[in-house]
Amino acid sequence: MSDPVGALQPGTHAGFAEIQVLPPQGMIALRGDLSDAGVKAAVTAAVPLDVPGPNAASFDGTRGIFWMSPDELLLLCPYAEVAGHVDSIGAALAGTHHLVADISDARAVFAVDGVDAREVLGKLTPADLAPSVFGPGTFRRTRLAQVAAAVLCETDNRFVLVCFRSVAGYVHELLKTAAIPGSEVGYWRD
């Protein structure tokens, strides 16, 4: 198996918040009846974390389960494990209506870090990012300017974003522009 190659080279850009291009991440899309015990068992066998409820995520380092919609989860695992997990989930759910797909190479992942990380995103998305609404462990689909994205609030000062690989360069430039020093508004500062 060849090494994965991301849309952009991993690296960091320093602004009033730090923008990181993260290395390729193993990702599996799973669609099915999320209330079904067999679906939950197949998911947690692959990624041993709790299956989250709406607008939430369970994560631990390079592993995670993210609620995408009432019938969809996004599973994160090390890149090298994806094919095995897709096969094992497919086998476990044989005879059950589901879809499981490796989407690792179709996505790009970024992190926004720092005290003003929330402000960078606030310039780009219509989502309510108030700490009382969008705190650690919260996950949601939204838009960044004109493109679809998903955002995880990992900690109060760190956000992880997932977008389509095809718009990775655009999203990177959006994030860097939104973090230009001197353009802070200070809305979420105490």
N, C-alpha and C. Protein backbone atom coordinates (compact mmCIF):
# COMPACT_ATOMS: atom_id res chain seq x y z
N MET A 1 0.84 -1.18 0.00
CA MET A 1 0.00 0.00 0.00
C MET A 1 0.88 1.24 0.00
N SER A 2 0.56 2.20 -0.84
CA SER A 2 1.34 3.42 -0.91
C SER A 2 0.95 4.36 0.23
N ASP A 3 1.82 5.30 0.52
CA ASP A 3 1.53 6.28 1.56
C ASP A 3 0.48 7.26 1.06
N PRO A 4 -0.43 7.68 1.95
CA PRO A 4 -1.46 8.64 1.53
C PRO A 4 -0.85 10.01 1.26
N VAL A 5 -1.42 10.70 0.30
CA VAL A 5 -0.98 12.04 -0.05
C VAL A 5 -2.19 12.96 0.05
N GLY A 6 -2.08 13.98 0.87
CA GLY A 6 -3.17 14.91 1.06
C GLY A 6 -3.24 15.93 -0.05
N ALA A 7 -4.31 16.70 -0.07
CA ALA A 7 -4.49 17.75 -1.06
C ALA A 7 -3.45 18.85 -0.87
N LEU A 8 -3.05 19.08 0.37
CA LEU A 8 -2.05 20.08 0.71
C LEU A 8 -0.99 19.44 1.60
N GLN A 9 0.20 19.99 1.60
CA GLN A 9 1.24 19.49 2.48
C GLN A 9 0.92 19.90 3.92
N PRO A 10 1.06 18.97 4.88
CA PRO A 10 0.84 19.35 6.28
C PRO A 10 1.77 20.51 6.65
N GLY A 11 1.25 21.41 7.44
CA GLY A 11 2.04 22.56 7.87
C GLY A 11 1.20 23.50 8.71
N THR A 12 1.85 24.57 9.16
CA THR A 12 1.22 25.52 10.07
C THR A 12 1.39 26.93 9.55
N HIS A 13 0.34 27.73 9.70
CA HIS A 13 0.37 29.15 9.37
C HIS A 13 0.01 29.91 10.64
N ALA A 14 0.87 30.85 11.01
CA ALA A 14 0.62 31.63 12.23
C ALA A 14 -0.06 32.94 11.87
N GLY A 15 -1.22 33.14 12.47
CA GLY A 15 -1.94 34.41 12.40
C GLY A 15 -2.33 34.74 13.82
N PHE A 16 -3.46 35.43 14.04
CA PHE A 16 -3.89 35.63 15.42
C PHE A 16 -4.44 34.34 16.01
N ALA A 17 -4.61 33.33 15.17
CA ALA A 17 -4.85 31.94 15.57
C ALA A 17 -4.00 31.10 14.63
N GLU A 18 -3.63 29.93 15.08
CA GLU A 18 -2.77 29.06 14.27
C GLU A 18 -3.63 28.17 13.37
N ILE A 19 -3.32 28.16 12.08
CA ILE A 19 -4.02 27.33 11.10
C ILE A 19 -3.10 26.18 10.75
N GLN A 20 -3.60 24.96 10.90
CA GLN A 20 -2.78 23.77 10.59
C GLN A 20 -3.46 22.96 9.50
N VAL A 21 -2.67 22.56 8.52
CA VAL A 21 -3.10 21.56 7.56
C VAL A 21 -2.68 20.23 8.16
N LEU A 22 -3.64 19.37 8.45
CA LEU A 22 -3.34 18.10 9.10
C LEU A 22 -3.08 17.02 8.06
N PRO A 23 -2.30 16.01 8.43
CA PRO A 23 -2.02 14.93 7.47
C PRO A 23 -3.28 14.14 7.15
N PRO A 24 -3.25 13.35 6.07
CA PRO A 24 -4.43 12.55 5.71
C PRO A 24 -4.92 11.71 6.89
N GLN A 25 -6.22 11.63 7.01
CA GLN A 25 -6.89 10.95 8.12
C GLN A 25 -7.78 9.86 7.55
N GLY A 26 -7.77 8.69 8.17
CA GLY A 26 -8.69 7.63 7.76
C GLY A 26 -10.11 8.01 8.11
N MET A 27 -11.01 7.93 7.12
CA MET A 27 -12.41 8.31 7.32
C MET A 27 -13.33 7.29 6.65
N ILE A 28 -14.38 6.93 7.36
CA ILE A 28 -15.37 5.99 6.86
C ILE A 28 -16.75 6.63 7.03
N ALA A 29 -17.51 6.67 5.94
CA ALA A 29 -18.91 7.12 6.02
C ALA A 29 -19.78 5.89 6.23
N LEU A 30 -20.67 5.98 7.19
CA LEU A 30 -21.59 4.88 7.47
C LEU A 30 -23.00 5.45 7.49
N ARG A 31 -23.89 4.86 6.67
CA ARG A 31 -25.29 5.24 6.69
C ARG A 31 -26.11 4.02 7.04
N GLY A 32 -27.12 4.24 7.87
CA GLY A 32 -28.00 3.16 8.28
C GLY A 32 -28.88 3.62 9.43
N ASP A 33 -29.59 2.68 10.03
CA ASP A 33 -30.46 2.97 11.17
C ASP A 33 -29.58 3.06 12.42
N LEU A 34 -29.31 4.26 12.88
CA LEU A 34 -28.40 4.46 14.00
C LEU A 34 -28.97 3.98 15.33
N SER A 35 -30.25 3.66 15.37
CA SER A 35 -30.84 3.12 16.59
C SER A 35 -30.72 1.59 16.63
N ASP A 36 -30.30 0.97 15.54
CA ASP A 36 -30.17 -0.48 15.44
C ASP A 36 -28.95 -0.96 16.25
N ALA A 37 -29.17 -1.93 17.13
CA ALA A 37 -28.10 -2.44 17.98
C ALA A 37 -26.96 -3.04 17.15
N GLY A 38 -27.28 -3.67 16.02
CA GLY A 38 -26.24 -4.25 15.17
C GLY A 38 -25.36 -3.19 14.54
N VAL A 39 -25.96 -2.07 14.13
CA VAL A 39 -25.19 -0.97 13.56
C VAL A 39 -24.25 -0.39 14.62
N LYS A 40 -24.79 -0.16 15.80
CA LYS A 40 -23.96 0.38 16.89
C LYS A 40 -22.82 -0.57 17.23
N ALA A 41 -23.09 -1.87 17.27
CA ALA A 41 -22.06 -2.86 17.59
C ALA A 41 -20.97 -2.87 16.52
N ALA A 42 -21.35 -2.78 15.25
CA ALA A 42 -20.36 -2.78 14.17
C ALA A 42 -19.49 -1.52 14.24
N VAL A 43 -20.11 -0.39 14.55
CA VAL A 43 -19.37 0.88 14.66
C VAL A 43 -18.37 0.82 15.81
N THR A 44 -18.83 0.40 16.98
CA THR A 44 -17.95 0.41 18.16
C THR A 44 -16.91 -0.70 18.11
N ALA A 45 -17.14 -1.74 17.31
CA ALA A 45 -16.09 -2.75 17.12
C ALA A 45 -14.94 -2.15 16.32
N ALA A 46 -15.26 -1.28 15.37
CA ALA A 46 -14.22 -0.64 14.55
C ALA A 46 -13.56 0.53 15.29
N VAL A 47 -14.38 1.34 15.93
CA VAL A 47 -13.89 2.51 16.66
C VAL A 47 -14.46 2.42 18.08
N PRO A 48 -13.66 1.95 19.03
CA PRO A 48 -14.18 1.67 20.38
C PRO A 48 -14.47 2.92 21.22
N LEU A 49 -15.48 3.65 20.78
CA LEU A 49 -15.94 4.85 21.47
C LEU A 49 -17.46 4.82 21.50
N ASP A 50 -18.07 5.65 22.33
CA ASP A 50 -19.52 5.73 22.37
C ASP A 50 -20.06 6.34 21.08
N VAL A 51 -21.18 5.84 20.60
CA VAL A 51 -21.84 6.43 19.44
C VAL A 51 -22.53 7.70 19.94
N PRO A 52 -22.16 8.86 19.38
CA PRO A 52 -22.72 10.12 19.88
C PRO A 52 -24.13 10.37 19.37
N GLY A 53 -24.81 11.28 20.05
CA GLY A 53 -26.12 11.73 19.62
C GLY A 53 -26.00 12.89 18.65
N PRO A 54 -27.11 13.53 18.34
CA PRO A 54 -27.12 14.64 17.38
C PRO A 54 -26.14 15.76 17.74
N ASN A 55 -25.46 16.26 16.72
CA ASN A 55 -24.52 17.38 16.82
C ASN A 55 -23.42 17.15 17.84
N ALA A 56 -23.01 15.90 17.97
CA ALA A 56 -21.96 15.58 18.94
C ALA A 56 -20.93 14.64 18.32
N ALA A 57 -19.85 14.45 19.05
CA ALA A 57 -18.77 13.59 18.61
C ALA A 57 -18.15 12.89 19.81
N SER A 58 -17.64 11.71 19.56
CA SER A 58 -16.79 11.00 20.52
C SER A 58 -15.44 10.89 19.83
N PHE A 59 -14.37 11.27 20.49
CA PHE A 59 -13.08 11.23 19.82
C PHE A 59 -11.97 11.02 20.84
N ASP A 60 -10.88 10.46 20.34
CA ASP A 60 -9.71 10.17 21.16
C ASP A 60 -8.51 10.09 20.23
N GLY A 61 -7.80 11.18 20.07
CA GLY A 61 -6.64 11.19 19.18
C GLY A 61 -7.05 11.04 17.72
N THR A 62 -6.56 9.98 17.07
CA THR A 62 -6.87 9.77 15.64
C THR A 62 -8.14 8.96 15.43
N ARG A 63 -8.87 8.66 16.49
CA ARG A 63 -10.11 7.88 16.37
C ARG A 63 -11.29 8.75 16.79
N GLY A 64 -12.40 8.56 16.08
CA GLY A 64 -13.58 9.33 16.44
C GLY A 64 -14.83 8.80 15.77
N ILE A 65 -15.96 9.15 16.35
CA ILE A 65 -17.26 8.89 15.76
C ILE A 65 -18.01 10.21 15.79
N PHE A 66 -18.46 10.66 14.63
CA PHE A 66 -19.09 11.96 14.50
C PHE A 66 -20.50 11.79 13.94
N TRP A 67 -21.48 12.41 14.60
CA TRP A 67 -22.85 12.36 14.14
C TRP A 67 -22.99 13.33 12.98
N MET A 68 -23.38 12.82 11.81
CA MET A 68 -23.51 13.67 10.62
C MET A 68 -24.97 14.01 10.31
N SER A 69 -25.87 13.07 10.54
CA SER A 69 -27.30 13.26 10.29
C SER A 69 -28.04 12.11 10.97
N PRO A 70 -29.36 12.12 10.97
CA PRO A 70 -30.10 11.06 11.68
C PRO A 70 -29.78 9.64 11.22
N ASP A 71 -29.21 9.50 10.01
CA ASP A 71 -28.86 8.15 9.55
C ASP A 71 -27.42 8.04 9.07
N GLU A 72 -26.54 8.91 9.55
CA GLU A 72 -25.15 8.91 9.07
C GLU A 72 -24.15 9.23 10.18
N LEU A 73 -23.08 8.46 10.18
CA LEU A 73 -21.94 8.71 11.06
C LEU A 73 -20.68 8.83 10.21
N LEU A 74 -19.72 9.58 10.72
CA LEU A 74 -18.39 9.65 10.14
C LEU A 74 -17.46 9.02 11.16
N LEU A 75 -16.73 7.99 10.74
CA LEU A 75 -15.79 7.30 11.62
C LEU A 75 -14.38 7.70 11.25
N LEU A 76 -13.58 8.02 12.25
CA LEU A 76 -12.17 8.33 12.03
C LEU A 76 -11.33 7.25 12.67
N CYS A 77 -10.28 6.86 11.96
CA CYS A 77 -9.33 5.87 12.46
C CYS A 77 -8.01 6.10 11.73
N PRO A 78 -6.93 5.46 12.16
CA PRO A 78 -5.69 5.59 11.41
C PRO A 78 -5.89 5.16 9.96
N TYR A 79 -5.27 5.85 9.05
CA TYR A 79 -5.45 5.64 7.62
C TYR A 79 -5.25 4.17 7.22
N ALA A 80 -4.25 3.53 7.77
CA ALA A 80 -3.93 2.15 7.40
C ALA A 80 -5.00 1.14 7.82
N GLU A 81 -5.88 1.52 8.74
CA GLU A 81 -6.91 0.61 9.24
C GLU A 81 -8.23 0.68 8.49
N VAL A 82 -8.39 1.66 7.61
CA VAL A 82 -9.69 1.91 6.99
C VAL A 82 -10.22 0.70 6.23
N ALA A 83 -9.43 0.13 5.34
CA ALA A 83 -9.92 -0.98 4.51
C ALA A 83 -10.41 -2.14 5.37
N GLY A 84 -9.67 -2.49 6.40
CA GLY A 84 -10.08 -3.57 7.29
C GLY A 84 -11.38 -3.26 8.00
N HIS A 85 -11.55 -2.02 8.45
CA HIS A 85 -12.79 -1.64 9.13
C HIS A 85 -13.98 -1.61 8.17
N VAL A 86 -13.77 -1.14 6.95
CA VAL A 86 -14.86 -1.15 5.96
C VAL A 86 -15.31 -2.59 5.73
N ASP A 87 -14.35 -3.50 5.58
CA ASP A 87 -14.69 -4.91 5.37
C ASP A 87 -15.42 -5.51 6.57
N SER A 88 -14.91 -5.23 7.77
CA SER A 88 -15.53 -5.83 8.96
C SER A 88 -16.93 -5.26 9.23
N ILE A 89 -17.10 -3.97 9.00
CA ILE A 89 -18.43 -3.37 9.17
C ILE A 89 -19.40 -3.95 8.13
N GLY A 90 -18.94 -4.04 6.90
CA GLY A 90 -19.77 -4.61 5.84
C GLY A 90 -20.19 -6.04 6.16
N ALA A 91 -19.25 -6.85 6.67
CA ALA A 91 -19.57 -8.24 7.02
C ALA A 91 -20.53 -8.29 8.20
N ALA A 92 -20.31 -7.44 9.20
CA ALA A 92 -21.17 -7.44 10.39
C ALA A 92 -22.60 -7.01 10.05
N LEU A 93 -22.74 -6.17 9.04
CA LEU A 93 -24.06 -5.64 8.69
C LEU A 93 -24.67 -6.32 7.46
N ALA A 94 -24.08 -7.43 7.03
CA ALA A 94 -24.64 -8.16 5.88
C ALA A 94 -26.10 -8.49 6.18
N GLY A 95 -26.96 -8.19 5.24
CA GLY A 95 -28.39 -8.43 5.43
C GLY A 95 -29.12 -7.27 6.07
N THR A 96 -28.38 -6.26 6.55
CA THR A 96 -28.97 -5.06 7.14
C THR A 96 -28.79 -3.92 6.14
N HIS A 97 -29.84 -3.12 5.96
CA HIS A 97 -29.75 -1.97 5.04
C HIS A 97 -28.70 -0.99 5.57
N HIS A 98 -27.64 -0.77 4.80
CA HIS A 98 -26.58 0.15 5.21
C HIS A 98 -25.73 0.53 4.01
N LEU A 99 -24.89 1.52 4.20
CA LEU A 99 -23.86 1.89 3.24
C LEU A 99 -22.61 2.17 4.06
N VAL A 100 -21.50 1.62 3.65
CA VAL A 100 -20.22 1.91 4.30
C VAL A 100 -19.21 2.19 3.20
N ALA A 101 -18.46 3.30 3.33
CA ALA A 101 -17.54 3.70 2.27
C ALA A 101 -16.30 4.36 2.85
N ASP A 102 -15.17 4.07 2.25
CA ASP A 102 -13.90 4.73 2.57
C ASP A 102 -13.90 6.08 1.87
N ILE A 103 -13.91 7.15 2.63
CA ILE A 103 -13.91 8.50 2.04
C ILE A 103 -12.63 9.26 2.41
N SER A 104 -11.63 8.54 2.88
CA SER A 104 -10.38 9.17 3.35
C SER A 104 -9.76 10.09 2.32
N ASP A 105 -9.67 9.63 1.08
CA ASP A 105 -8.99 10.42 0.05
C ASP A 105 -9.85 11.52 -0.54
N ALA A 106 -11.09 11.62 -0.11
CA ALA A 106 -12.00 12.64 -0.63
C ALA A 106 -12.09 13.86 0.28
N ARG A 107 -11.37 13.86 1.39
CA ARG A 107 -11.49 14.93 2.38
C ARG A 107 -10.13 15.52 2.74
N ALA A 108 -10.16 16.74 3.23
CA ALA A 108 -8.98 17.41 3.78
C ALA A 108 -9.34 17.84 5.20
N VAL A 109 -8.33 17.90 6.07
CA VAL A 109 -8.57 18.20 7.47
C VAL A 109 -7.66 19.35 7.92
N PHE A 110 -8.25 20.29 8.65
CA PHE A 110 -7.53 21.44 9.19
C PHE A 110 -7.80 21.56 10.68
N ALA A 111 -6.92 22.25 11.38
CA ALA A 111 -7.16 22.62 12.78
C ALA A 111 -6.95 24.12 12.90
N VAL A 112 -7.75 24.74 13.75
CA VAL A 112 -7.59 26.15 14.09
C VAL A 112 -7.41 26.20 15.59
N ASP A 113 -6.25 26.69 16.02
CA ASP A 113 -5.87 26.70 17.43
C ASP A 113 -5.64 28.11 17.95
N GLY A 114 -5.96 28.32 19.20
CA GLY A 114 -5.62 29.57 19.87
C GLY A 114 -6.82 30.20 20.55
N VAL A 115 -6.53 31.16 21.40
CA VAL A 115 -7.56 31.86 22.16
C VAL A 115 -8.62 32.46 21.22
N ASP A 116 -8.20 32.90 20.05
CA ASP A 116 -9.14 33.52 19.11
C ASP A 116 -9.52 32.60 17.95
N ALA A 117 -9.36 31.30 18.12
CA ALA A 117 -9.72 30.35 17.06
C ALA A 117 -11.20 30.46 16.70
N ARG A 118 -12.04 30.62 17.71
CA ARG A 118 -13.48 30.73 17.48
C ARG A 118 -13.80 31.94 16.60
N GLU A 119 -13.02 33.00 16.75
CA GLU A 119 -13.25 34.20 15.96
C GLU A 119 -12.92 33.97 14.48
N VAL A 120 -11.88 33.19 14.20
CA VAL A 120 -11.54 32.88 12.81
C VAL A 120 -12.75 32.22 12.14
N LEU A 121 -13.31 31.23 12.80
CA LEU A 121 -14.46 30.53 12.23
C LEU A 121 -15.70 31.42 12.17
N GLY A 122 -15.85 32.28 13.16
CA GLY A 122 -17.00 33.17 13.19
C GLY A 122 -17.06 34.11 12.00
N LYS A 123 -15.92 34.39 11.40
CA LYS A 123 -15.89 35.23 10.21
C LYS A 123 -16.35 34.48 8.96
N LEU A 124 -16.37 33.16 9.04
CA LEU A 124 -16.59 32.35 7.83
C LEU A 124 -17.88 31.54 7.80
N THR A 125 -18.48 31.28 8.95
CA THR A 125 -19.64 30.40 8.99
C THR A 125 -20.84 31.08 9.63
N PRO A 126 -22.05 30.75 9.18
CA PRO A 126 -23.24 31.28 9.82
C PRO A 126 -23.62 30.52 11.10
N ALA A 127 -22.91 29.45 11.41
CA ALA A 127 -23.23 28.63 12.59
C ALA A 127 -23.05 29.44 13.87
N ASP A 128 -23.89 29.15 14.86
CA ASP A 128 -23.77 29.79 16.17
C ASP A 128 -22.58 29.15 16.88
N LEU A 129 -21.53 29.91 17.08
CA LEU A 129 -20.31 29.42 17.71
C LEU A 129 -20.16 29.85 19.16
N ALA A 130 -21.20 30.38 19.74
CA ALA A 130 -21.14 30.81 21.14
C ALA A 130 -20.69 29.63 21.99
N PRO A 131 -19.76 29.83 22.91
CA PRO A 131 -19.27 28.74 23.74
C PRO A 131 -20.38 27.97 24.47
N SER A 132 -21.47 28.64 24.80
CA SER A 132 -22.57 27.97 25.49
C SER A 132 -23.34 27.03 24.57
N VAL A 133 -23.21 27.20 23.26
CA VAL A 133 -23.91 26.39 22.28
C VAL A 133 -22.96 25.41 21.59
N PHE A 134 -21.74 25.87 21.31
CA PHE A 134 -20.77 25.09 20.53
C PHE A 134 -19.51 24.89 21.37
N GLY A 135 -19.63 24.01 22.35
CA GLY A 135 -18.52 23.73 23.26
C GLY A 135 -17.81 22.45 22.91
N PRO A 136 -16.80 22.07 23.70
CA PRO A 136 -16.04 20.85 23.44
C PRO A 136 -16.94 19.62 23.26
N GLY A 137 -16.65 18.86 22.20
CA GLY A 137 -17.42 17.67 21.87
C GLY A 137 -18.58 17.93 20.93
N THR A 138 -18.81 19.20 20.58
CA THR A 138 -19.88 19.54 19.66
C THR A 138 -19.35 19.44 18.23
N PHE A 139 -20.19 18.93 17.35
CA PHE A 139 -19.82 18.72 15.95
C PHE A 139 -21.00 19.11 15.09
N ARG A 140 -20.74 19.79 14.00
CA ARG A 140 -21.84 20.15 13.11
C ARG A 140 -21.35 20.37 11.69
N ARG A 141 -22.28 20.15 10.78
CA ARG A 141 -22.05 20.50 9.38
C ARG A 141 -22.46 21.95 9.20
N THR A 142 -21.73 22.64 8.33
CA THR A 142 -22.03 24.04 8.07
C THR A 142 -21.40 24.43 6.75
N ARG A 143 -21.22 25.72 6.57
CA ARG A 143 -20.52 26.23 5.40
C ARG A 143 -19.41 27.15 5.88
N LEU A 144 -18.32 27.15 5.12
CA LEU A 144 -17.25 28.12 5.30
C LEU A 144 -17.27 28.95 4.03
N ALA A 145 -17.71 30.17 4.15
CA ALA A 145 -17.94 31.02 2.97
C ALA A 145 -18.88 30.26 2.03
N GLN A 146 -18.40 29.80 0.89
CA GLN A 146 -19.28 29.17 -0.09
C GLN A 146 -19.14 27.65 -0.19
N VAL A 147 -18.44 27.02 0.74
CA VAL A 147 -18.22 25.57 0.62
C VAL A 147 -18.70 24.82 1.85
N ALA A 148 -19.10 23.58 1.63
CA ALA A 148 -19.54 22.73 2.74
C ALA A 148 -18.35 22.32 3.59
N ALA A 149 -18.60 22.23 4.89
CA ALA A 149 -17.56 21.80 5.83
C ALA A 149 -18.23 21.23 7.06
N ALA A 150 -17.46 20.52 7.84
CA ALA A 150 -17.91 20.04 9.14
C ALA A 150 -16.90 20.53 10.16
N VAL A 151 -17.37 20.92 11.33
CA VAL A 151 -16.50 21.52 12.35
C VAL A 151 -16.71 20.81 13.68
N LEU A 152 -15.61 20.43 14.29
CA LEU A 152 -15.59 19.85 15.63
C LEU A 152 -14.97 20.86 16.59
N CYS A 153 -15.65 21.11 17.70
CA CYS A 153 -15.03 21.87 18.78
C CYS A 153 -14.34 20.85 19.67
N GLU A 154 -13.03 20.74 19.53
CA GLU A 154 -12.27 19.74 20.29
C GLU A 154 -12.04 20.22 21.72
N THR A 155 -11.62 21.48 21.86
CA THR A 155 -11.48 22.13 23.16
C THR A 155 -11.98 23.56 22.97
N ASP A 156 -12.02 24.34 24.04
CA ASP A 156 -12.48 25.72 23.90
C ASP A 156 -11.65 26.52 22.90
N ASN A 157 -10.39 26.13 22.69
CA ASN A 157 -9.49 26.88 21.82
C ASN A 157 -8.96 26.08 20.64
N ARG A 158 -9.58 24.93 20.33
CA ARG A 158 -9.12 24.14 19.18
C ARG A 158 -10.34 23.58 18.44
N PHE A 159 -10.34 23.83 17.13
CA PHE A 159 -11.40 23.36 16.26
C PHE A 159 -10.78 22.56 15.12
N VAL A 160 -11.43 21.48 14.75
CA VAL A 160 -10.98 20.66 13.64
C VAL A 160 -12.04 20.75 12.55
N LEU A 161 -11.61 21.00 11.32
CA LEU A 161 -12.51 21.17 10.18
C LEU A 161 -12.25 20.09 9.15
N VAL A 162 -13.31 19.62 8.54
CA VAL A 162 -13.22 18.65 7.44
C VAL A 162 -13.95 19.26 6.26
N CYS A 163 -13.29 19.22 5.09
CA CYS A 163 -13.93 19.71 3.87
C CYS A 163 -13.59 18.76 2.72
N PHE A 164 -14.22 18.97 1.59
CA PHE A 164 -13.89 18.18 0.42
C PHE A 164 -12.47 18.50 -0.03
N ARG A 165 -11.77 17.49 -0.47
CA ARG A 165 -10.40 17.65 -0.95
C ARG A 165 -10.33 18.67 -2.09
N SER A 166 -11.35 18.69 -2.92
CA SER A 166 -11.34 19.57 -4.09
C SER A 166 -11.32 21.05 -3.74
N VAL A 167 -11.72 21.41 -2.52
CA VAL A 167 -11.73 22.82 -2.12
C VAL A 167 -10.72 23.10 -1.01
N ALA A 168 -9.79 22.19 -0.78
CA ALA A 168 -8.82 22.33 0.31
C ALA A 168 -7.99 23.61 0.19
N GLY A 169 -7.51 23.92 -1.00
CA GLY A 169 -6.72 25.14 -1.19
C GLY A 169 -7.52 26.38 -0.88
N TYR A 170 -8.77 26.41 -1.32
CA TYR A 170 -9.66 27.53 -1.06
C TYR A 170 -9.91 27.70 0.44
N VAL A 171 -10.21 26.60 1.12
CA VAL A 171 -10.47 26.65 2.57
C VAL A 171 -9.22 27.10 3.31
N HIS A 172 -8.06 26.61 2.90
CA HIS A 172 -6.81 27.03 3.55
C HIS A 172 -6.62 28.54 3.43
N GLU A 173 -6.86 29.08 2.24
CA GLU A 173 -6.72 30.52 2.05
C GLU A 173 -7.77 31.30 2.85
N LEU A 174 -9.00 30.79 2.92
CA LEU A 174 -10.03 31.43 3.75
C LEU A 174 -9.59 31.53 5.20
N LEU A 175 -9.11 30.40 5.73
CA LEU A 175 -8.70 30.37 7.13
C LEU A 175 -7.52 31.31 7.39
N LYS A 176 -6.53 31.30 6.51
CA LYS A 176 -5.37 32.18 6.68
C LYS A 176 -5.79 33.65 6.62
N THR A 177 -6.68 33.98 5.70
CA THR A 177 -7.15 35.37 5.56
C THR A 177 -7.94 35.80 6.79
N ALA A 178 -8.79 34.91 7.30
CA ALA A 178 -9.60 35.24 8.48
C ALA A 178 -8.75 35.42 9.73
N ALA A 179 -7.51 34.87 9.71
CA ALA A 179 -6.62 34.94 10.88
C ALA A 179 -5.53 36.00 10.74
N ILE A 180 -5.65 36.90 9.78
CA ILE A 180 -4.62 37.93 9.60
C ILE A 180 -4.53 38.78 10.86
N PRO A 181 -3.33 38.90 11.44
CA PRO A 181 -3.16 39.73 12.64
C PRO A 181 -3.65 41.16 12.40
N GLY A 182 -4.34 41.67 13.39
CA GLY A 182 -4.90 43.02 13.31
C GLY A 182 -6.35 43.05 12.87
N SER A 183 -6.86 41.90 12.42
CA SER A 183 -8.27 41.86 11.97
C SER A 183 -9.18 41.26 13.03
N GLU A 184 -8.65 41.06 14.25
CA GLU A 184 -9.45 40.52 15.34
C GLU A 184 -10.59 41.49 15.69
N VAL A 185 -11.72 40.89 16.02
CA VAL A 185 -12.86 41.69 16.48
C VAL A 185 -12.98 41.60 18.01
N GLY A 186 -12.63 40.47 18.56
CA GLY A 186 -12.66 40.28 20.01
C GLY A 186 -14.04 39.98 20.55
N TYR A 187 -14.93 39.48 19.73
CA TYR A 187 -16.32 39.25 20.14
C TYR A 187 -16.42 38.25 21.29
N TRP A 188 -15.64 37.16 21.25
CA TRP A 188 -15.75 36.14 22.29
C TRP A 188 -14.71 36.30 23.40
N ARG A 189 -14.03 37.40 23.41
CA ARG A 189 -13.06 37.66 24.49
C ARG A 189 -13.79 38.12 25.74
N ASP A 190 -13.30 37.69 26.90
CA ASP A 190 -13.91 38.12 28.17
C ASP A 190 -13.48 39.52 28.51
